[in-house]
């Protein structure tokens, strides 16, 4: 079953999008369907969610930590169980 979606868009924007779709040999409705599927699958990001930025000090610390990880410095061993962690911490 198909459903109809109706929304308002600037005429110039619509005309340009339709012309581009036509030049690529697809219907504009197909572009909208593909964009909707891509959005659902996480392949299309609209950027409306505010991305939090680190303050200057935290950004420096994160940069240093990532550099250490790349160089395999300051990294503890991996653990399989909680008892392994307890043994490591007690030693």
PDB file of N, CA and C in Angstrom:
ATOM      1  N   UNK A   1       0.839  -1.175   0.000  1.00  0.00           N
ATOM      2  CA  UNK A   1       0.000   0.000   0.000  1.00  0.00           C
ATOM      3  C   UNK A   1       0.889   1.246   0.000  1.00  0.00           C
ATOM      4  N   UNK A   2       0.626   2.171  -0.839  1.00  0.00           N
ATOM      5  CA  UNK A   2       1.372   3.417  -0.916  1.00  0.00           C
ATOM      6  C   UNK A   2       0.613   4.531  -0.216  1.00  0.00           C
ATOM      7  N   UNK A   3       1.372   5.499   0.254  1.00  0.00           N
ATOM      8  CA  UNK A   3       0.795   6.649   0.940  1.00  0.00           C
ATOM      9  C   UNK A   3       1.313   7.915   0.260  1.00  0.00           C
ATOM     10  N   UNK A   4       0.522   8.933   0.262  1.00  0.00           N
ATOM     11  CA  UNK A   4       0.902  10.190  -0.381  1.00  0.00           C
ATOM     12  C   UNK A   4       1.451  11.146   0.664  1.00  0.00           C
ATOM     13  N   UNK A   5       2.537  11.820   0.299  1.00  0.00           N
ATOM     14  CA  UNK A   5       3.140  12.830   1.164  1.00  0.00           C
ATOM     15  C   UNK A   5       3.034  14.168   0.445  1.00  0.00           C
ATOM     16  N   UNK A   6       2.513  15.158   1.143  1.00  0.00           N
ATOM     17  CA  UNK A   6       2.357  16.484   0.552  1.00  0.00           C
ATOM     18  C   UNK A   6       3.087  17.478   1.447  1.00  0.00           C
ATOM     19  N   UNK A   7       3.972  18.253   0.841  1.00  0.00           N
ATOM     20  CA  UNK A   7       4.651  19.301   1.592  1.00  0.00           C
ATOM     21  C   UNK A   7       4.957  20.466   0.677  1.00  0.00           C
ATOM     22  N   UNK A   8       5.188  21.610   1.263  1.00  0.00           N
ATOM     23  CA  UNK A   8       5.456  22.819   0.485  1.00  0.00           C
ATOM     24  C   UNK A   8       6.964  22.985   0.328  1.00  0.00           C
ATOM     25  N   UNK A   9       7.377  23.408  -0.875  1.00  0.00           N
ATOM     26  CA  UNK A   9       8.787  23.626  -1.176  1.00  0.00           C
ATOM     27  C   UNK A   9       8.864  24.815  -2.130  1.00  0.00           C
ATOM     28  N   UNK A  10       9.938  25.579  -2.036  1.00  0.00           N
ATOM     29  CA  UNK A  10      10.145  26.715  -2.921  1.00  0.00           C
ATOM     30  C   UNK A  10      10.122  26.250  -4.379  1.00  0.00           C
ATOM     31  N   UNK A  11       9.394  26.951  -5.222  1.00  0.00           N
ATOM     32  CA  UNK A  11       9.224  26.540  -6.614  1.00  0.00           C
ATOM     33  C   UNK A  11      10.547  26.451  -7.360  1.00  0.00           C
ATOM     34  N   UNK A  12      11.440  27.420  -7.140  1.00  0.00           N
ATOM     35  CA  UNK A  12      12.734  27.386  -7.824  1.00  0.00           C
ATOM     36  C   UNK A  12      13.539  26.155  -7.404  1.00  0.00           C
ATOM     37  N   UNK A  13      13.505  25.833  -6.138  1.00  0.00           N
ATOM     38  CA  UNK A  13      14.215  24.658  -5.630  1.00  0.00           C
ATOM     39  C   UNK A  13      13.645  23.375  -6.239  1.00  0.00           C
ATOM     40  N   UNK A  14      12.323  23.292  -6.281  1.00  0.00           N
ATOM     41  CA  UNK A  14      11.653  22.124  -6.864  1.00  0.00           C
ATOM     42  C   UNK A  14      12.003  21.989  -8.342  1.00  0.00           C
ATOM     43  N   UNK A  15      11.948  23.102  -9.068  1.00  0.00           N
ATOM     44  CA  UNK A  15      12.245  23.068 -10.501  1.00  0.00           C
ATOM     45  C   UNK A  15      13.679  22.613 -10.762  1.00  0.00           C
ATOM     46  N   UNK A  16      14.627  23.120  -9.959  1.00  0.00           N
ATOM     47  CA  UNK A  16      16.027  22.717 -10.123  1.00  0.00           C
ATOM     48  C   UNK A  16      16.208  21.228  -9.810  1.00  0.00           C
ATOM     49  N   UNK A  17      15.541  20.762  -8.760  1.00  0.00           N
ATOM     50  CA  UNK A  17      15.647  19.349  -8.382  1.00  0.00           C
ATOM     51  C   UNK A  17      15.027  18.457  -9.449  1.00  0.00           C
ATOM     52  N   UNK A  18      13.900  18.859  -9.967  1.00  0.00           N
ATOM     53  CA  UNK A  18      13.248  18.075 -11.019  1.00  0.00           C
ATOM     54  C   UNK A  18      14.107  18.041 -12.279  1.00  0.00           C
ATOM     55  N   UNK A  19      14.722  19.170 -12.627  1.00  0.00           N
ATOM     56  CA  UNK A  19      15.582  19.226 -13.812  1.00  0.00           C
ATOM     57  C   UNK A  19      16.798  18.323 -13.639  1.00  0.00           C
ATOM     58  N   UNK A  20      17.386  18.338 -12.461  1.00  0.00           N
ATOM     59  CA  UNK A  20      18.548  17.490 -12.206  1.00  0.00           C
ATOM     60  C   UNK A  20      18.160  16.017 -12.260  1.00  0.00           C
ATOM     61  N   UNK A  21      17.033  15.680 -11.636  1.00  0.00           N
ATOM     62  CA  UNK A  21      16.561  14.288 -11.673  1.00  0.00           C
ATOM     63  C   UNK A  21      16.333  13.854 -13.119  1.00  0.00           C
ATOM     64  N   UNK A  22      15.699  14.723 -13.902  1.00  0.00           N
ATOM     65  CA  UNK A  22      15.422  14.402 -15.300  1.00  0.00           C
ATOM     66  C   UNK A  22      16.730  14.230 -16.079  1.00  0.00           C
ATOM     67  N   UNK A  23      17.730  15.069 -15.812  1.00  0.00           N
ATOM     68  CA  UNK A  23      19.011  14.957 -16.521  1.00  0.00           C
ATOM     69  C   UNK A  23      19.730  13.649 -16.173  1.00  0.00           C
ATOM     70  N   UNK A  24      19.436  13.107 -14.987  1.00  0.00           N
ATOM     71  CA  UNK A  24      20.025  11.830 -14.586  1.00  0.00           C
ATOM     72  C   UNK A  24      19.132  10.654 -14.952  1.00  0.00           C
ATOM     73  N   UNK A  25      18.002  10.955 -15.578  1.00  0.00           N
ATOM     74  CA  UNK A  25      17.137   9.892 -16.081  1.00  0.00           C
ATOM     75  C   UNK A  25      16.241   9.223 -15.055  1.00  0.00           C
ATOM     76  N   UNK A  26      15.947   9.929 -13.989  1.00  0.00           N
ATOM     77  CA  UNK A  26      15.039   9.381 -12.971  1.00  0.00           C
ATOM     78  C   UNK A  26      13.931  10.379 -12.678  1.00  0.00           C
ATOM     79  N   UNK A  27      12.838   9.851 -12.209  1.00  0.00           N
ATOM     80  CA  UNK A  27      11.716  10.710 -11.822  1.00  0.00           C
ATOM     81  C   UNK A  27      12.033  11.369 -10.481  1.00  0.00           C
ATOM     82  N   UNK A  28      11.564  12.588 -10.314  1.00  0.00           N
ATOM     83  CA  UNK A  28      11.786  13.304  -9.059  1.00  0.00           C
ATOM     84  C   UNK A  28      11.191  12.534  -7.882  1.00  0.00           C
ATOM     85  N   UNK A  29      10.071  11.880  -8.097  1.00  0.00           N
ATOM     86  CA  UNK A  29       9.463  11.090  -7.022  1.00  0.00           C
ATOM     87  C   UNK A  29      10.394   9.951  -6.592  1.00  0.00           C
ATOM     88  N   UNK A  30      11.138   9.394  -7.540  1.00  0.00           N
ATOM     89  CA  UNK A  30      12.105   8.337  -7.200  1.00  0.00           C
ATOM     90  C   UNK A  30      13.230   8.896  -6.333  1.00  0.00           C
ATOM     91  N   UNK A  31      13.655  10.115  -6.636  1.00  0.00           N
ATOM     92  CA  UNK A  31      14.691  10.753  -5.825  1.00  0.00           C
ATOM     93  C   UNK A  31      14.205  10.918  -4.390  1.00  0.00           C
ATOM     94  N   UNK A  32      12.974  11.367  -4.237  1.00  0.00           N
ATOM     95  CA  UNK A  32      12.418  11.554  -2.896  1.00  0.00           C
ATOM     96  C   UNK A  32      12.274  10.228  -2.158  1.00  0.00           C
ATOM     97  N   UNK A  33      11.855   9.182  -2.867  1.00  0.00           N
ATOM     98  CA  UNK A  33      11.735   7.856  -2.245  1.00  0.00           C
ATOM     99  C   UNK A  33      13.106   7.345  -1.806  1.00  0.00           C
ATOM    100  N   UNK A  34      14.108   7.491  -2.686  1.00  0.00           N
ATOM    101  CA  UNK A  34      15.458   7.034  -2.352  1.00  0.00           C
ATOM    102  C   UNK A  34      16.039   7.828  -1.185  1.00  0.00           C
ATOM    103  N   UNK A  35      15.780   9.126  -1.158  1.00  0.00           N
ATOM    104  CA  UNK A  35      16.264   9.957  -0.059  1.00  0.00           C
ATOM    105  C   UNK A  35      15.613   9.534   1.262  1.00  0.00           C
ATOM    106  N   UNK A  36      14.341   9.201   1.214  1.00  0.00           N
ATOM    107  CA  UNK A  36      13.640   8.747   2.420  1.00  0.00           C
ATOM    108  C   UNK A  36      14.234   7.435   2.924  1.00  0.00           C
ATOM    109  N   UNK A  37      14.485   6.500   2.002  1.00  0.00           N
ATOM    110  CA  UNK A  37      15.101   5.211   2.385  1.00  0.00           C
ATOM    111  C   UNK A  37      16.495   5.436   2.956  1.00  0.00           C
ATOM    112  N   UNK A  38      17.281   6.315   2.313  1.00  0.00           N
ATOM    113  CA  UNK A  38      18.629   6.597   2.798  1.00  0.00           C
ATOM    114  C   UNK A  38      18.584   7.217   4.191  1.00  0.00           C
ATOM    115  N   UNK A  39      17.629   8.086   4.440  1.00  0.00           N
ATOM    116  CA  UNK A  39      17.481   8.711   5.753  1.00  0.00           C
ATOM    117  C   UNK A  39      17.168   7.656   6.813  1.00  0.00           C
ATOM    118  N   UNK A  40      16.280   6.740   6.491  1.00  0.00           N
ATOM    119  CA  UNK A  40      15.913   5.671   7.426  1.00  0.00           C
ATOM    120  C   UNK A  40      17.111   4.792   7.742  1.00  0.00           C
ATOM    121  N   UNK A  41      17.906   4.485   6.701  1.00  0.00           N
ATOM    122  CA  UNK A  41      19.059   3.594   6.866  1.00  0.00           C
ATOM    123  C   UNK A  41      20.271   4.290   7.485  1.00  0.00           C
ATOM    124  N   UNK A  42      20.175   5.585   7.718  1.00  0.00           N
ATOM    125  CA  UNK A  42      21.283   6.326   8.305  1.00  0.00           C
ATOM    126  C   UNK A  42      22.319   6.773   7.296  1.00  0.00           C
ATOM    127  N   UNK A  43      22.026   6.636   5.998  1.00  0.00           N
ATOM    128  CA  UNK A  43      22.964   7.044   4.952  1.00  0.00           C
ATOM    129  C   UNK A  43      22.806   8.499   4.555  1.00  0.00           C
ATOM    130  N   UNK A  44      21.790   9.161   5.072  1.00  0.00           N
ATOM    131  CA  UNK A  44      21.547  10.572   4.781  1.00  0.00           C
ATOM    132  C   UNK A  44      21.432  11.311   6.103  1.00  0.00           C
ATOM    133  N   UNK A  45      22.345  12.232   6.326  1.00  0.00           N
ATOM    134  CA  UNK A  45      22.343  13.025   7.547  1.00  0.00           C
ATOM    135  C   UNK A  45      21.869  14.432   7.219  1.00  0.00           C
ATOM    136  N   UNK A  46      20.916  14.921   7.960  1.00  0.00           N
ATOM    137  CA  UNK A  46      20.394  16.255   7.690  1.00  0.00           C
ATOM    138  C   UNK A  46      21.051  17.331   8.551  1.00  0.00           C
ATOM    139  N   UNK A  47      21.751  16.950   9.579  1.00  0.00           N
ATOM    140  CA  UNK A  47      22.498  17.906  10.380  1.00  0.00           C
ATOM    141  C   UNK A  47      21.656  18.827  11.235  1.00  0.00           C
ATOM    142  N   UNK A  48      20.468  18.423  11.605  1.00  0.00           N
ATOM    143  CA  UNK A  48      19.619  19.278  12.432  1.00  0.00           C
ATOM    144  C   UNK A  48      19.870  19.085  13.919  1.00  0.00           C
ATOM    145  N   UNK A  49      20.548  17.996  14.268  1.00  0.00           N
ATOM    146  CA  UNK A  49      20.839  17.730  15.675  1.00  0.00           C
ATOM    147  C   UNK A  49      22.085  18.509  16.049  1.00  0.00           C
ATOM    148  N   UNK A  50      21.993  19.255  17.123  1.00  0.00           N
ATOM    149  CA  UNK A  50      23.130  20.061  17.550  1.00  0.00           C
ATOM    150  C   UNK A  50      24.240  19.151  18.044  1.00  0.00           C
ATOM    151  N   UNK A  51      25.403  19.310  17.476  1.00  0.00           N
ATOM    152  CA  UNK A  51      26.559  18.524  17.886  1.00  0.00           C
ATOM    153  C   UNK A  51      27.270  19.287  19.003  1.00  0.00           C
ATOM    154  N   UNK A  52      27.471  18.617  20.121  1.00  0.00           N
ATOM    155  CA  UNK A  52      28.150  19.234  21.252  1.00  0.00           C
ATOM    156  C   UNK A  52      29.643  19.288  20.957  1.00  0.00           C
ATOM    157  N   UNK A  53      30.273  20.403  21.311  1.00  0.00           N
ATOM    158  CA  UNK A  53      31.705  20.561  21.142  1.00  0.00           C
ATOM    159  C   UNK A  53      32.355  20.549  22.512  1.00  0.00           C
ATOM    160  N   UNK A  54      33.559  19.968  22.570  1.00  0.00           N
ATOM    161  CA  UNK A  54      34.315  19.979  23.807  1.00  0.00           C
ATOM    162  C   UNK A  54      34.831  21.391  24.072  1.00  0.00           C
ATOM    163  N   UNK A  55      34.970  21.727  25.350  1.00  0.00           N
ATOM    164  CA  UNK A  55      35.656  22.974  25.652  1.00  0.00           C
ATOM    165  C   UNK A  55      37.141  22.770  25.351  1.00  0.00           C
ATOM    166  N   UNK A  56      37.921  23.808  25.370  1.00  0.00           N
ATOM    167  CA  UNK A  56      39.318  23.761  24.944  1.00  0.00           C
ATOM    168  C   UNK A  56      40.131  22.745  25.735  1.00  0.00           C
ATOM    169  N   UNK A  57      40.000  22.739  27.038  1.00  0.00           N
ATOM    170  CA  UNK A  57      40.775  21.832  27.889  1.00  0.00           C
ATOM    171  C   UNK A  57      40.405  20.367  27.617  1.00  0.00           C
ATOM    172  N   UNK A  58      39.113  20.087  27.550  1.00  0.00           N
ATOM    173  CA  UNK A  58      38.671  18.711  27.277  1.00  0.00           C
ATOM    174  C   UNK A  58      39.121  18.265  25.894  1.00  0.00           C
ATOM    175  N   UNK A  59      39.067  19.142  24.914  1.00  0.00           N
ATOM    176  CA  UNK A  59      39.510  18.808  23.553  1.00  0.00           C
ATOM    177  C   UNK A  59      40.983  18.427  23.554  1.00  0.00           C
ATOM    178  N   UNK A  60      41.809  19.152  24.309  1.00  0.00           N
ATOM    179  CA  UNK A  60      43.234  18.820  24.406  1.00  0.00           C
ATOM    180  C   UNK A  60      43.427  17.440  25.032  1.00  0.00           C
ATOM    181  N   UNK A  61      42.674  17.164  26.102  1.00  0.00           N
ATOM    182  CA  UNK A  61      42.798  15.875  26.777  1.00  0.00           C
ATOM    183  C   UNK A  61      42.378  14.728  25.861  1.00  0.00           C
ATOM    184  N   UNK A  62      41.283  14.908  25.145  1.00  0.00           N
ATOM    185  CA  UNK A  62      40.807  13.857  24.235  1.00  0.00           C
ATOM    186  C   UNK A  62      41.815  13.639  23.116  1.00  0.00           C
ATOM    187  N   UNK A  63      42.377  14.714  22.584  1.00  0.00           N
ATOM    188  CA  UNK A  63      43.380  14.604  21.523  1.00  0.00           C
ATOM    189  C   UNK A  63      44.590  13.819  22.017  1.00  0.00           C
ATOM    190  N   UNK A  64      45.046  14.106  23.241  1.00  0.00           N
ATOM    191  CA  UNK A  64      46.185  13.389  23.813  1.00  0.00           C
ATOM    192  C   UNK A  64      45.856  11.917  24.025  1.00  0.00           C
ATOM    193  N   UNK A  65      44.679  11.642  24.519  1.00  0.00           N
ATOM    194  CA  UNK A  65      44.269  10.249  24.752  1.00  0.00           C
ATOM    195  C   UNK A  65      44.214   9.482  23.433  1.00  0.00           C
ATOM    196  N   UNK A  66      43.637  10.094  22.399  1.00  0.00           N
ATOM    197  CA  UNK A  66      43.561   9.420  21.098  1.00  0.00           C
ATOM    198  C   UNK A  66      44.948   9.184  20.510  1.00  0.00           C
ATOM    199  N   UNK A  67      45.862  10.141  20.725  1.00  0.00           N
ATOM    200  CA  UNK A  67      47.239   9.960  20.266  1.00  0.00           C
ATOM    201  C   UNK A  67      47.883   8.785  21.001  1.00  0.00           C
ATOM    202  N   UNK A  68      47.684   8.699  22.330  1.00  0.00           N
ATOM    203  CA  UNK A  68      48.215   7.581  23.112  1.00  0.00           C
ATOM    204  C   UNK A  68      47.656   6.247  22.622  1.00  0.00           C
ATOM    205  N   UNK A  69      46.372   6.211  22.314  1.00  0.00           N
ATOM    206  CA  UNK A  69      45.753   4.982  21.820  1.00  0.00           C
ATOM    207  C   UNK A  69      46.386   4.562  20.496  1.00  0.00           C
ATOM    208  N   UNK A  70      46.581   5.527  19.604  1.00  0.00           N
ATOM    209  CA  UNK A  70      47.221   5.233  18.320  1.00  0.00           C
ATOM    210  C   UNK A  70      48.628   4.670  18.509  1.00  0.00           C
ATOM    211  N   UNK A  71      49.337   5.188  19.517  1.00  0.00           N
ATOM    212  CA  UNK A  71      50.706   4.754  19.784  1.00  0.00           C
ATOM    213  C   UNK A  71      50.752   3.577  20.758  1.00  0.00           C
ATOM    214  N   UNK A  72      49.579   3.095  21.157  1.00  0.00           N
ATOM    215  CA  UNK A  72      49.450   1.989  22.113  1.00  0.00           C
ATOM    216  C   UNK A  72      50.187   2.270  23.425  1.00  0.00           C
ATOM    217  N   UNK A  73      50.079   3.515  23.902  1.00  0.00           N
ATOM    218  CA  UNK A  73      50.667   3.944  25.164  1.00  0.00           C
ATOM    219  C   UNK A  73      49.563   4.122  26.201  1.00  0.00           C
ATOM    220  N   UNK A  74      49.934   3.921  27.468  1.00  0.00           N
ATOM    221  CA  UNK A  74      49.020   4.148  28.594  1.00  0.00           C
ATOM    222  C   UNK A  74      47.723   3.348  28.457  1.00  0.00           C
ATOM    223  N   UNK A  75      47.830   2.134  27.976  1.00  0.00           N
ATOM    224  CA  UNK A  75      46.656   1.271  27.810  1.00  0.00           C
ATOM    225  C   UNK A  75      46.827   0.058  28.710  1.00  0.00           C
ATOM    226  N   UNK A  76      45.829  -0.236  29.524  1.00  0.00           N
ATOM    227  CA  UNK A  76      45.908  -1.420  30.377  1.00  0.00           C
ATOM    228  C   UNK A  76      45.585  -2.661  29.554  1.00  0.00           C
ATOM    229  N   UNK A  77      45.888  -3.792  30.126  1.00  0.00           N
ATOM    230  CA  UNK A  77      45.616  -5.053  29.438  1.00  0.00           C
ATOM    231  C   UNK A  77      44.115  -5.272  29.308  1.00  0.00           C
ATOM    232  N   UNK A  78      43.720  -6.159  28.414  1.00  0.00           N
ATOM    233  CA  UNK A  78      42.289  -6.455  28.272  1.00  0.00           C
ATOM    234  C   UNK A  78      41.892  -7.510  29.294  1.00  0.00           C
ATOM    235  N   UNK A  79      40.642  -7.473  29.715  1.00  0.00           N
ATOM    236  CA  UNK A  79      40.139  -8.385  30.727  1.00  0.00           C
ATOM    237  C   UNK A  79      38.967  -9.178  30.174  1.00  0.00           C
ATOM    238  N   UNK A  80      38.856 -10.434  30.637  1.00  0.00           N
ATOM    239  CA  UNK A  80      37.776 -11.300  30.188  1.00  0.00           C
ATOM    240  C   UNK A  80      36.631 -11.311  31.196  1.00  0.00           C
ATOM    241  N   UNK A  81      36.978 -11.176  32.461  1.00  0.00           N
ATOM    242  CA  UNK A  81      35.921 -11.248  33.479  1.00  0.00           C
ATOM    243  C   UNK A  81      36.153 -10.206  34.563  1.00  0.00           C
ATOM    244  N   UNK A  82      35.154 -10.043  35.378  1.00  0.00           N
ATOM    245  CA  UNK A  82      35.251  -9.113  36.496  1.00  0.00           C
ATOM    246  C   UNK A  82      36.292  -9.541  37.507  1.00  0.00           C
ATOM    247  N   UNK A  83      36.436 -10.851  37.715  1.00  0.00           N
ATOM    248  CA  UNK A  83      37.437 -11.320  38.663  1.00  0.00           C
ATOM    249  C   UNK A  83      38.848 -11.020  38.173  1.00  0.00           C
ATOM    250  N   UNK A  84      39.069 -11.050  36.843  1.00  0.00           N
ATOM    251  CA  UNK A  84      40.364 -10.669  36.297  1.00  0.00           C
ATOM    252  C   UNK A  84      40.670  -9.201  36.599  1.00  0.00           C
ATOM    253  N   UNK A  85      39.658  -8.370  36.493  1.00  0.00           N
ATOM    254  CA  UNK A  85      39.846  -6.951  36.787  1.00  0.00           C
ATOM    255  C   UNK A  85      40.189  -6.759  38.266  1.00  0.00           C
ATOM    256  N   UNK A  86      39.471  -7.470  39.139  1.00  0.00           N
ATOM    257  CA  UNK A  86      39.718  -7.362  40.580  1.00  0.00           C
ATOM    258  C   UNK A  86      41.134  -7.799  40.913  1.00  0.00           C
ATOM    259  N   UNK A  87      41.601  -8.893  40.319  1.00  0.00           N
ATOM    260  CA  UNK A  87      42.962  -9.372  40.554  1.00  0.00           C
ATOM    261  C   UNK A  87      43.973  -8.325  40.112  1.00  0.00           C
ATOM    262  N   UNK A  88      43.735  -7.727  38.965  1.00  0.00           N
ATOM    263  CA  UNK A  88      44.656  -6.703  38.438  1.00  0.00           C
ATOM    264  C   UNK A  88      44.698  -5.498  39.362  1.00  0.00           C
ATOM    265  N   UNK A  89      43.540  -5.060  39.833  1.00  0.00           N
ATOM    266  CA  UNK A  89      43.490  -3.881  40.694  1.00  0.00           C
ATOM    267  C   UNK A  89      44.132  -4.133  42.060  1.00  0.00           C
ATOM    268  N   UNK A  90      44.037  -5.366  42.554  1.00  0.00           N
ATOM    269  CA  UNK A  90      44.633  -5.709  43.861  1.00  0.00           C
ATOM    270  C   UNK A  90      46.136  -5.885  43.768  1.00  0.00           C
ATOM    271  N   UNK A  91      46.629  -6.138  42.566  1.00  0.00           N
ATOM    272  CA  UNK A  91      48.093  -6.366  42.435  1.00  0.00           C
ATOM    273  C   UNK A  91      48.871  -5.077  42.327  1.00  0.00           C
TER     274      UNK A  91
END
